Amino acid sequence: MTTEGRAQIVEQLKPVLSRVSNGRAKVGHLSEDARIIEDVGLASLDLLELRFELETAWNTRITDEEAISLKTIRDVVDVVLKKSKKDSL
């Protein structure tokens, strides 16, 4: 996936992150290195909602192991890309 494609996914994540955090998420300048809890500002309970939002937005299924591994925005982008590729096969 190109850098451009990854950046597009990050942009698509901004409203999702805002929604799951009830507007608390800091998404103005969101980089792939941003940590979901520490930098973006999601609470640990928001991560469960994030999982469901990702599954809905990208019409896929995220396993428990994958959900637990989501620590940074890069992790989220990687899971979305992996699931998108798998679903298109």
Protein backbone atom coordinates (compact mmCIF):
# COMPACT_ATOMS: atom_id res chain seq x y z
CA MET A 1 0.00 0.00 0.00
CA THR A 2 1.28 3.41 -0.90
CA THR A 3 1.95 6.15 1.61
CA GLU A 4 -0.93 8.03 0.02
CA GLY A 5 -3.30 5.12 0.63
CA ARG A 6 -2.19 4.82 4.24
CA ALA A 7 -2.72 8.56 4.73
CA GLN A 8 -6.23 8.20 3.32
CA ILE A 9 -7.04 5.52 5.90
CA VAL A 10 -5.68 7.79 8.67
CA GLU A 11 -8.02 10.54 7.44
CA GLN A 12 -10.95 8.10 7.45
CA LEU A 13 -10.06 7.15 11.03
CA LYS A 14 -10.38 10.70 12.38
CA PRO A 15 -14.20 10.80 12.57
CA VAL A 16 -14.26 7.22 13.87
CA LEU A 17 -11.86 8.11 16.70
CA SER A 18 -13.86 11.22 17.53
CA ARG A 19 -17.10 9.25 17.60
CA VAL A 20 -15.84 6.47 19.88
CA SER A 21 -14.34 8.98 22.31
CA ASN A 22 -17.38 11.29 22.34
CA GLY A 23 -15.24 14.07 20.87
CA ARG A 24 -12.29 13.71 23.28
CA ALA A 25 -9.85 12.29 20.72
CA LYS A 26 -7.04 14.56 19.57
CA VAL A 27 -7.20 13.99 15.82
CA GLY A 28 -6.09 17.36 14.43
CA HIS A 29 -2.61 16.22 13.44
CA LEU A 30 -2.86 12.45 13.54
CA SER A 31 0.26 10.47 12.63
CA GLU A 32 0.74 6.73 12.38
CA ASP A 33 3.15 6.91 15.32
CA ALA A 34 0.43 8.30 17.61
CA ARG A 35 -0.42 5.99 20.50
CA ILE A 36 -4.16 5.43 20.73
CA ILE A 37 -4.51 5.90 24.49
CA GLU A 38 -1.59 8.15 25.41
CA ASP A 39 -1.50 10.50 22.38
CA VAL A 40 -4.96 10.34 20.81
CA GLY A 41 -6.71 10.29 24.18
CA LEU A 42 -8.99 7.27 23.95
CA ALA A 43 -9.91 5.55 27.18
CA SER A 44 -9.42 1.81 27.47
CA LEU A 45 -13.19 1.27 27.19
CA ASP A 46 -13.19 3.29 23.95
CA LEU A 47 -11.02 0.58 22.39
CA LEU A 48 -13.92 -1.87 22.43
CA GLU A 49 -16.11 0.63 20.62
CA LEU A 50 -13.25 1.34 18.21
CA ARG A 51 -13.13 -2.33 17.30
CA PHE A 52 -16.84 -2.38 16.46
CA GLU A 53 -16.61 0.88 14.51
CA LEU A 54 -13.69 -0.48 12.46
CA GLU A 55 -15.59 -3.67 11.73
CA THR A 56 -18.59 -1.65 10.56
CA ALA A 57 -16.67 0.97 8.59
CA TRP A 58 -14.52 -1.56 6.73
CA ASN A 59 -17.10 -4.38 6.69
CA THR A 60 -14.76 -6.90 8.28
CA ARG A 61 -14.18 -8.91 11.44
CA ILE A 62 -11.37 -8.15 13.90
CA THR A 63 -10.24 -10.99 16.16
CA ASP A 64 -9.65 -10.56 19.89
CA GLU A 65 -5.90 -10.92 19.31
CA GLU A 66 -5.91 -8.21 16.65
CA ALA A 67 -7.98 -5.89 18.84
CA ILE A 68 -5.58 -6.34 21.76
CA SER A 69 -2.63 -5.51 19.51
CA LEU A 70 -3.99 -2.07 18.55
CA LYS A 71 -1.63 0.31 20.32
CA THR A 72 -0.84 2.92 17.66
CA ILE A 73 -2.58 4.39 14.64
CA ARG A 74 -0.10 2.40 12.51
CA ASP A 75 -1.44 -0.80 14.10
CA VAL A 76 -4.99 0.21 13.16
CA VAL A 77 -3.99 1.04 9.57
CA ASP A 78 -2.13 -2.28 9.29
CA VAL A 79 -5.16 -4.27 10.49
CA VAL A 80 -7.48 -2.39 8.12
CA LEU A 81 -5.15 -3.04 5.19
CA LYS A 82 -4.67 -6.70 6.11
CA LYS A 83 -8.42 -7.23 6.42
CA SER A 84 -9.14 -5.32 3.19
CA LYS A 85 -6.68 -7.48 1.25
CA LYS A 86 -8.02 -10.69 2.76
CA ASP A 87 -11.63 -9.71 1.98
CA SER A 88 -10.77 -8.88 -1.64
CA LEU A 89 -9.24 -12.32 -2.31
